[in-house]
Protein backbone atom coordinates (compact mmCIF):
# COMPACT_ATOMS: atom_id res chain seq x y z
CA MET A 1 47.93 169.24 -9.51
CA GLU A 2 50.97 171.44 -8.74
CA GLN A 3 49.06 173.18 -5.97
CA LEU A 4 48.06 169.82 -4.51
CA THR A 5 51.72 168.79 -4.62
CA ALA A 6 52.75 171.96 -2.85
CA ARG A 7 50.08 171.48 -0.18
CA SER A 8 51.09 167.84 0.35
CA ASN A 9 54.71 168.92 0.75
CA THR A 10 53.61 171.47 3.32
CA SER A 11 51.58 168.89 5.24
CA ALA A 12 54.56 166.56 5.36
CA ARG A 13 56.82 169.12 7.03
CA PRO A 14 58.32 168.37 10.44
CA PRO A 15 56.54 169.40 13.65
CA GLY A 16 57.09 173.04 14.59
CA ALA A 17 57.61 174.19 11.00
CA ALA A 18 54.18 175.85 10.85
CA ALA A 19 54.86 177.85 14.03
CA ASN A 20 58.26 178.87 12.67
CA ASP A 21 56.68 180.03 9.41
CA GLU A 22 54.07 182.04 11.30
CA ALA A 23 56.82 183.79 13.27
CA LYS A 24 58.65 184.63 10.03
CA ARG A 25 55.42 185.86 8.48
CA ALA A 26 54.82 188.18 11.44
CA GLY A 27 58.38 189.49 11.21
CA LEU A 28 57.97 190.13 7.48
CA ARG A 29 54.77 192.11 8.10
CA ARG A 30 56.51 194.24 10.74
CA MET A 31 59.43 195.06 8.47
CA LYS A 32 57.08 195.94 5.61
CA LEU A 33 55.30 198.37 7.94
CA VAL A 34 58.64 199.88 9.01
CA ALA A 35 59.71 200.35 5.38
CA LEU A 36 56.31 201.81 4.55
CA GLY A 37 56.66 204.11 7.58
CA PHE A 38 59.91 205.53 6.17
CA LEU A 39 58.17 206.20 2.84
CA LEU A 40 55.18 207.84 4.54
CA GLY A 41 57.50 209.87 6.74
CA ALA A 42 59.38 211.17 3.72
CA THR A 43 56.07 211.93 2.00
CA VAL A 44 54.70 213.86 4.98
CA ILE A 45 57.91 215.90 5.27
CA PHE A 46 57.83 216.65 1.54
CA LEU A 47 54.21 217.84 1.68
CA LEU A 48 54.75 219.93 4.79
CA THR A 49 57.91 221.60 3.51
CA SER A 50 56.29 222.26 0.12
CA ALA A 51 53.37 223.99 1.80
CA TRP A 52 55.75 225.86 4.10
CA GLN A 53 57.83 227.10 1.17
CA ALA A 54 54.69 228.35 -0.55
CA ALA A 55 53.92 230.32 2.62
CA GLY A 56 57.42 231.86 2.70
CA ALA A 57 59.57 229.40 4.65
CA PRO A 58 63.26 230.12 5.29
CA ALA A 59 65.89 228.90 2.81
CA TRP A 60 66.92 225.88 4.81
CA ALA A 61 63.40 224.38 4.31
CA GLY A 62 64.37 223.79 0.67
CA PHE A 63 67.15 221.49 1.77
CA LEU A 64 64.72 219.47 3.90
CA ARG A 65 62.22 219.34 1.03
CA ALA A 66 64.88 218.11 -1.44
CA ALA A 67 65.98 215.38 0.98
CA ALA A 68 62.39 214.23 1.54
CA GLU A 69 61.67 214.25 -2.20
CA ALA A 70 64.75 212.17 -3.02
CA GLY A 71 63.92 209.84 -0.11
CA MET A 72 60.44 209.26 -1.57
CA ILE A 73 61.94 208.47 -4.95
CA GLY A 74 64.48 206.06 -3.45
CA ALA A 75 61.83 204.35 -1.35
CA LEU A 76 59.49 203.90 -4.33
CA ALA A 77 62.29 202.68 -6.59
CA ASP A 78 63.47 200.07 -4.08
CA TRP A 79 59.87 199.05 -3.31
CA PHE A 80 59.42 198.42 -7.02
CA ALA A 81 62.69 196.44 -7.20
CA VAL A 82 61.88 194.25 -4.19
CA THR A 83 58.27 193.69 -5.21
CA ALA A 84 59.26 192.85 -8.79
CA LEU A 85 61.16 189.82 -7.50
CA PHE A 86 58.01 188.12 -6.23
CA ARG A 87 55.03 189.61 -8.12
CA HIS A 88 53.87 192.25 -10.58
CA PRO A 89 53.87 195.64 -8.78
CA LEU A 90 50.28 196.80 -8.26
CA GLY A 91 49.20 193.85 -10.43
CA ILE A 92 50.50 195.57 -13.58
CA LYS A 93 52.31 193.08 -15.82
CA ILE A 94 55.37 195.19 -16.47
CA PRO A 95 58.15 193.34 -18.36
CA HIS A 96 60.86 191.77 -16.20
CA THR A 97 58.75 191.75 -13.06
CA ALA A 98 57.50 188.76 -11.02
CA ILE A 99 60.93 187.27 -11.72
CA ILE A 100 60.75 184.30 -9.36
CA PRO A 101 57.32 182.99 -10.47
CA THR A 102 58.03 183.45 -14.18
CA ARG A 103 61.63 182.16 -14.17
CA LYS A 104 61.27 179.52 -11.46
CA ASP A 105 62.41 176.62 -13.66
CA THR A 106 65.43 178.55 -14.97
CA LEU A 107 66.41 179.52 -11.44
CA GLY A 108 66.06 175.89 -10.33
CA SER A 109 68.27 174.71 -13.18
CA SER A 110 70.87 177.38 -12.37
CA LEU A 111 70.77 176.41 -8.70
CA GLY A 112 71.31 172.75 -9.62
CA GLU A 113 74.29 173.64 -11.81
CA PHE A 114 75.74 175.85 -9.07
CA VAL A 115 75.46 173.08 -6.47
CA GLY A 116 76.92 170.52 -8.87
CA GLU A 117 79.91 172.65 -9.84
CA ASN A 118 80.74 174.13 -6.44
CA PHE A 119 79.58 171.56 -3.86
CA LEU A 120 79.63 168.22 -5.67
CA ALA A 121 83.02 168.60 -7.32
CA GLU A 122 85.41 165.75 -6.50
CA PRO A 123 88.24 167.97 -5.10
CA VAL A 124 85.75 169.78 -2.85
CA VAL A 125 84.27 166.55 -1.52
CA ARG A 126 87.68 164.95 -0.92
CA ASP A 127 89.01 168.05 0.84
CA LYS A 128 85.96 168.31 3.08
CA LEU A 129 86.07 164.62 4.07
CA ALA A 130 89.84 164.79 4.66
CA ARG A 131 89.40 167.71 7.06
CA VAL A 132 86.47 166.12 8.86
CA GLY A 133 88.41 163.00 9.93
CA LEU A 134 85.33 160.82 9.61
CA ALA A 135 86.97 157.56 10.72
CA ASN A 136 88.26 159.11 13.94
CA ARG A 137 84.84 160.57 14.74
CA ILE A 138 83.10 157.28 14.04
CA GLY A 139 85.63 155.45 16.18
CA GLY A 140 85.16 157.82 19.09
CA TRP A 141 81.41 157.48 18.84
CA LEU A 142 81.33 153.68 18.50
CA SER A 143 83.82 153.10 21.31
CA LYS A 144 81.17 154.19 23.83
CA PRO A 145 78.97 151.26 24.94
CA ASP A 146 75.73 153.26 24.78
CA ASN A 147 76.43 154.32 21.21
CA ALA A 148 77.41 150.80 20.18
CA GLU A 149 74.15 149.53 21.64
CA ARG A 150 72.23 152.22 19.79
CA ALA A 151 73.96 151.33 16.50
CA THR A 152 73.16 147.67 17.10
CA SER A 153 69.51 148.51 17.67
CA GLU A 154 69.42 150.55 14.46
CA LEU A 155 70.99 147.68 12.52
CA ALA A 156 68.40 145.33 14.00
CA THR A 157 65.68 147.71 12.81
CA VAL A 158 67.20 147.71 9.32
CA VAL A 159 67.29 143.90 9.32
CA ARG A 160 63.65 143.72 10.39
CA GLY A 161 62.70 146.21 7.69
CA ALA A 162 64.58 144.28 5.03
CA MET A 163 62.98 141.02 6.12
CA THR A 164 59.56 142.66 5.91
CA VAL A 165 60.14 144.11 2.45
CA LEU A 166 61.54 140.93 0.91
CA ARG A 167 58.88 138.55 -0.33
CA ASP A 168 59.42 134.94 0.69
CA GLU A 169 58.61 133.57 -2.76
CA ASP A 170 61.16 135.89 -4.40
CA VAL A 171 63.94 134.87 -2.04
CA GLN A 172 63.07 131.19 -2.40
CA ALA A 173 63.20 131.60 -6.17
CA VAL A 174 66.68 133.11 -5.88
CA ILE A 175 67.81 130.23 -3.67
CA GLU A 176 66.32 127.77 -6.14
CA GLN A 177 67.93 129.36 -9.17
CA SER A 178 71.34 130.29 -7.79
CA VAL A 179 72.18 127.85 -5.02
CA VAL A 180 70.34 124.65 -5.93
CA ARG A 181 71.05 124.84 -9.63
CA HIS A 182 74.70 125.51 -8.91
CA VAL A 183 74.81 122.41 -6.72
CA VAL A 184 73.07 120.33 -9.39
CA SER A 185 75.41 121.51 -12.14
CA GLN A 186 78.52 120.44 -10.22
CA GLN A 187 79.83 116.86 -10.04
CA TRP A 188 79.79 115.48 -6.55
CA GLY A 189 82.20 112.61 -7.17
CA PRO A 190 85.63 114.28 -7.52
CA PRO A 191 85.32 116.88 -4.73
CA LEU A 192 83.67 114.36 -2.40
CA GLY A 193 86.33 111.76 -3.23
CA LYS A 194 89.11 114.26 -2.56
CA LEU A 195 87.57 115.18 0.78
CA LEU A 196 87.06 111.56 1.82
CA SER A 197 90.56 110.63 0.67
CA GLY A 198 92.04 113.20 3.01
CA VAL A 199 89.83 112.05 5.89
CA PHE A 200 90.61 108.33 5.36
CA THR A 201 94.35 108.91 4.84
CA ASP A 202 94.62 110.87 8.10
CA GLY A 203 92.69 108.18 9.95
CA SER A 204 90.03 110.65 11.06
CA HIS A 205 87.39 108.01 10.35
CA HIS A 206 88.74 105.58 12.93
CA ARG A 207 86.57 107.08 15.67
CA LEU A 208 83.52 106.30 13.57
CA VAL A 209 84.78 102.75 12.97
CA ASP A 210 85.35 102.38 16.73
CA LEU A 211 81.80 103.53 17.41
CA ILE A 212 80.34 101.11 14.87
CA SER A 213 82.44 98.26 16.27
CA ASP A 214 81.31 99.04 19.80
CA ARG A 215 77.67 99.16 18.79
CA ALA A 216 77.99 95.93 16.77
CA TYR A 217 79.54 94.08 19.69
CA GLU A 218 76.92 95.41 22.13
CA TRP A 219 74.11 94.38 19.79
CA VAL A 220 75.45 90.82 19.40
CA ARG A 221 76.03 90.58 23.16
CA ASP A 222 72.53 91.77 24.01
CA ASN A 223 70.65 89.80 21.31
CA HIS A 224 71.53 86.17 22.03
CA ASP A 225 67.97 85.00 21.41
CA ALA A 226 67.75 86.84 18.10
CA VAL A 227 70.91 85.12 16.79
CA LEU A 228 69.67 81.71 17.94
CA ARG A 229 66.31 82.31 16.26
CA VAL A 230 67.94 83.27 12.96
CA VAL A 231 70.11 80.15 12.95
CA SER A 232 67.21 77.91 13.95
CA ASP A 233 65.02 79.38 11.20
CA ARG A 234 67.71 78.58 8.62
CA ALA A 235 68.23 74.97 9.86
CA PRO A 236 66.76 72.01 7.88
CA THR A 237 63.33 70.85 8.98
CA TRP A 238 64.62 67.34 9.63
CA SER A 239 67.39 68.58 11.99
CA PRO A 240 66.74 67.79 15.67
CA LYS A 241 65.99 70.78 17.85
CA PHE A 242 68.83 70.19 20.30
CA VAL A 243 71.28 70.06 17.37
CA ASP A 244 69.92 73.38 16.07
CA GLU A 245 70.39 74.91 19.48
CA MET A 246 73.96 73.62 19.72
CA VAL A 247 74.81 74.95 16.27
CA ALA A 248 73.10 78.26 16.95
CA ASP A 249 74.93 78.60 20.27
CA LYS A 250 78.23 77.83 18.52
CA VAL A 251 77.51 80.38 15.81
CA TYR A 252 76.58 82.97 18.42
CA GLY A 253 79.83 82.39 20.26
CA GLU A 254 81.86 82.78 17.09
CA VAL A 255 80.00 85.94 16.08
CA LEU A 256 80.44 87.39 19.57
CA ALA A 257 84.17 86.52 19.56
CA PHE A 258 84.54 88.06 16.13
CA ALA A 259 82.75 91.24 17.19
CA TRP A 260 84.92 91.44 20.30
CA ALA A 261 88.11 90.99 18.27
CA VAL A 262 87.07 93.74 15.83
CA LYS A 263 86.21 95.99 18.77
CA THR A 264 89.47 95.53 20.68
CA ASP A 265 92.07 95.00 17.95
CA VAL A 266 92.78 98.18 16.02
CA ASN A 267 94.83 96.15 13.53
CA HIS A 268 92.17 93.52 12.97
CA PRO A 269 91.94 92.35 9.33
CA MET A 270 88.32 93.46 9.23
CA ARG A 271 89.34 96.99 10.13
CA MET A 272 92.14 96.86 7.56
CA ALA A 273 89.65 95.69 4.95
CA VAL A 274 87.33 98.56 5.79
CA ASP A 275 90.20 101.07 5.47
CA LYS A 276 91.21 99.57 2.13
CA PHE A 277 87.63 99.65 0.87
CA LEU A 278 87.10 103.26 1.92
CA LEU A 279 90.34 104.44 0.32
CA LYS A 280 89.45 102.60 -2.88
CA PHE A 281 85.98 104.13 -2.82
CA ALA A 282 87.43 107.63 -2.38
CA SER A 283 89.78 107.03 -5.30
CA ASP A 284 86.97 105.71 -7.51
CA LEU A 285 84.91 108.82 -6.79
CA GLN A 286 87.73 110.82 -8.35
CA ASP A 287 88.85 108.55 -11.17
CA ASP A 288 86.26 105.90 -12.01
CA PRO A 289 83.59 107.18 -14.49
CA GLU A 290 81.02 104.61 -13.39
CA THR A 291 81.39 105.49 -9.71
CA MET A 292 81.18 109.21 -10.51
CA ARG A 293 78.06 108.62 -12.62
CA ARG A 294 76.38 106.70 -9.81
CA ALA A 295 77.34 109.45 -7.34
CA ASP A 296 75.61 112.01 -9.56
CA GLN A 297 72.54 109.77 -9.76
CA ILE A 298 72.44 109.60 -5.99
CA LYS A 299 72.84 113.41 -5.86
CA GLN A 300 69.86 113.88 -8.15
CA GLN A 301 67.79 111.36 -6.18
CA VAL A 302 68.61 113.22 -2.96
CA LEU A 303 67.67 116.61 -4.41
CA ASP A 304 64.46 115.23 -5.93
CA HIS A 305 63.33 113.67 -2.68
CA PRO A 306 60.17 115.38 -1.36
CA GLU A 307 61.64 115.96 2.09
CA VAL A 308 64.75 117.58 0.62
CA ARG A 309 62.61 119.79 -1.61
CA ARG A 310 60.55 120.86 1.39
CA LEU A 311 63.76 121.56 3.30
CA ILE A 312 65.06 123.77 0.48
CA ASP A 313 61.76 125.61 0.21
CA SER A 314 61.67 126.20 3.96
CA ALA A 315 65.33 127.22 4.23
CA TRP A 316 64.55 130.92 3.79
CA SER A 317 61.60 130.81 6.16
CA THR A 318 63.77 129.17 8.81
CA ALA A 319 66.64 131.62 8.29
CA LYS A 320 64.23 134.56 8.30
CA SER A 321 62.62 133.43 11.53
CA MET A 322 66.02 132.98 13.18
CA LEU A 323 67.22 136.41 12.04
CA LEU A 324 64.04 138.17 13.20
CA THR A 325 64.13 136.42 16.56
CA ALA A 326 67.80 137.30 17.06
CA ALA A 327 67.28 140.90 15.88
CA GLU A 328 64.34 141.50 18.23
CA ASP A 329 66.01 140.03 21.32
CA PRO A 330 68.54 142.48 22.85
CA SER A 331 70.21 139.61 24.71
CA SER A 332 70.56 137.33 21.67
CA GLU A 333 73.97 135.99 20.73
CA LEU A 334 73.80 137.73 17.36
CA ARG A 335 73.15 141.18 18.81
CA GLN A 336 75.78 140.70 21.51
CA ARG A 337 78.34 139.74 18.88
CA VAL A 338 77.41 142.71 16.70
CA ARG A 339 77.61 145.07 19.67
CA ASN A 340 81.01 143.72 20.75
CA GLY A 341 82.22 143.92 17.15
CA LEU A 342 81.20 147.58 16.90
CA LEU A 343 82.92 148.37 20.21
CA SER A 344 86.07 146.67 18.98
CA LEU A 345 85.89 148.52 15.67
CA GLY A 346 85.47 151.84 17.47
CA SER A 347 88.48 151.19 19.70
CA ARG A 348 90.62 150.20 16.73
CA LEU A 349 89.61 153.28 14.77
CA GLU A 350 90.68 155.42 17.74
CA THR A 351 94.03 153.72 18.30
CA ASP A 352 95.09 152.43 14.88
CA PRO A 353 96.21 155.26 12.53
CA GLU A 354 96.69 152.85 9.63
CA LEU A 355 93.12 151.58 9.89
CA ARG A 356 91.81 155.14 10.18
CA SER A 357 93.71 156.09 7.06
CA LYS A 358 92.26 153.12 5.17
CA VAL A 359 88.70 153.89 6.24
CA ASP A 360 89.06 157.57 5.36
CA GLY A 361 90.47 156.59 1.98
CA TRP A 362 87.55 154.22 1.35
CA VAL A 363 85.02 156.88 2.30
CA GLU A 364 86.70 159.53 0.14
CA SER A 365 86.91 157.19 -2.83
CA ALA A 366 83.29 156.13 -2.45
CA ALA A 367 82.09 159.75 -2.18
CA ALA A 368 84.26 160.79 -5.12
CA TYR A 369 82.85 157.95 -7.20
CA VAL A 370 79.29 158.98 -6.37
CA VAL A 371 79.73 162.68 -7.16
CA THR A 372 81.74 161.91 -10.32
CA ASN A 373 79.32 159.41 -11.80
CA TYR A 374 76.00 160.54 -10.33
CA ARG A 375 76.38 164.30 -9.96
CA ALA A 376 73.86 164.94 -12.73
CA GLU A 377 71.29 162.66 -11.06
CA ILE A 378 71.82 164.39 -7.71
CA THR A 379 71.42 167.90 -9.11
CA THR A 380 68.39 166.72 -11.09
CA LEU A 381 66.73 166.22 -7.71
CA ILE A 382 66.96 169.99 -7.19
CA THR A 383 65.77 170.99 -10.65
CA ASP A 384 62.94 168.45 -10.75
CA THR A 385 61.76 169.45 -7.30
CA VAL A 386 61.71 173.15 -8.21
CA GLU A 387 59.88 172.38 -11.46
CA ARG A 388 57.14 170.56 -9.53
CA TRP A 389 56.56 173.51 -7.22
CA ASP A 390 53.66 175.86 -7.89
CA ALA A 391 55.03 179.20 -9.11
CA GLU A 392 52.97 181.41 -6.79
CA GLU A 393 53.54 179.14 -3.80
CA THR A 394 57.28 179.12 -4.52
CA SER A 395 57.35 182.90 -4.65
CA ARG A 396 55.54 183.12 -1.30
CA LYS A 397 57.91 180.60 0.30
CA ILE A 398 61.03 182.43 -0.86
CA GLU A 399 59.63 185.79 0.19
CA LEU A 400 58.84 184.34 3.60
CA GLN A 401 62.45 183.25 4.02
CA VAL A 402 64.29 186.35 2.72
CA GLY A 403 61.60 189.04 2.46
CA ARG A 404 62.26 190.47 5.93
CA ASP A 405 65.90 191.18 5.05
CA LEU A 406 64.89 192.64 1.67
CA GLN A 407 62.80 195.27 3.45
CA PHE A 408 66.06 196.81 4.64
CA ILE A 409 66.73 197.62 0.98
CA ARG A 410 63.61 199.77 0.99
CA ILE A 411 64.65 201.44 4.24
CA ASN A 412 68.19 202.03 2.99
CA GLY A 413 66.80 203.34 -0.31
CA THR A 414 64.79 205.93 1.57
CA VAL A 415 67.74 207.02 3.72
CA VAL A 416 70.36 206.95 0.95
CA GLY A 417 67.97 208.67 -1.47
CA ALA A 418 67.35 211.44 1.07
CA LEU A 419 71.08 211.95 1.64
CA ALA A 420 71.78 211.89 -2.11
CA GLY A 421 69.01 214.44 -2.72
CA LEU A 422 70.33 216.67 0.04
CA ILE A 423 73.87 216.53 -1.37
CA ILE A 424 72.73 217.23 -4.93
CA TYR A 425 70.55 220.13 -3.78
CA THR A 426 73.42 221.59 -1.74
CA ILE A 427 75.92 221.31 -4.61
CA ALA A 428 73.43 222.97 -6.97
CA HIS A 429 72.98 225.89 -4.57
CA VAL A 430 76.71 226.31 -4.03
CA ILE A 431 77.49 226.28 -7.76
CA PHE A 432 74.55 228.33 -8.94
């Protein structure tokens, strides 16, 4: 399973990573050959000088032989040290070798602790953010129209993604439970009465009264036959027809005159009566228990009406459709407003030091809160990830990244060993 996880992680790497790894692998092979070449060179020199000394070589050949011998020892010792990091040398399970594969989890835990203590410490994070000047950089970036348009497009993508993830039934349930139930639990009478009282006291309703008066007068004026028919229908059966017509015509004239008077006279008693009734109704909504009870009954009847229920259920669908349409259309009013708002924010961040200071303070406080309260969870990401890695695969990955530089240790071991051997051999000859 761990190997499958490692392979899946490899397959999910960004494009070009495989080619980069192959280049590193080739470089590692070259450096291994170079280090091996130094060892072989020291070995050849040692063998040649040994044979030469046996055949009667001059004294200085001993110095060359001592240097080559010490170089071989240094090269072998450093080869063992480098190899022991990643595997057992020559496959022999010598204690304290193959350090990375066998102590992978411990190394991952230590790495997590190191990152948490040295990179996710609150003073470090605050100092880094303070020196970055994040608000000023954001302002400079957002103040450019192309960048503001790009940010708007990204926000639209986020909105579309959120709309796709959210299930309609879940959102409708939230609306049902939070919004509708809150409305049901509140009395409508007092707040509605207070609102209407302010409207009626200010006379803001007079335009509506004017409209109703105009429409009433126009209806009476244009429906002469309808008024006559109503009066005639209510007349006694024994009443002569011409008398009914005279009475109906008289009634029509009075009704028309009354409607005209209400329409033209702003101080007409009918208007005054309406004002008085409305003010009394607004007061009763706030103070009269019976009126408040009836208002709540009407509220419940309204909310229980099938059309209202369908409207509530479709509210999210309607809002979702509007948001998606606006988010997908670059010329929509919503996106234009967001874009202009981002441009304005960018300009203010560039020119307003106080706003920049506030934004930087918010960002620092937010980052400090995250690293203070969630540092363990963040570092756990490192330790858990390392624990899931396959030990052998991990060793190969680390060797691929740093192995080329480690080969210089082998090369330096050969050179330094040869110099140390030469110095020791020289001192021994001088003293003895």
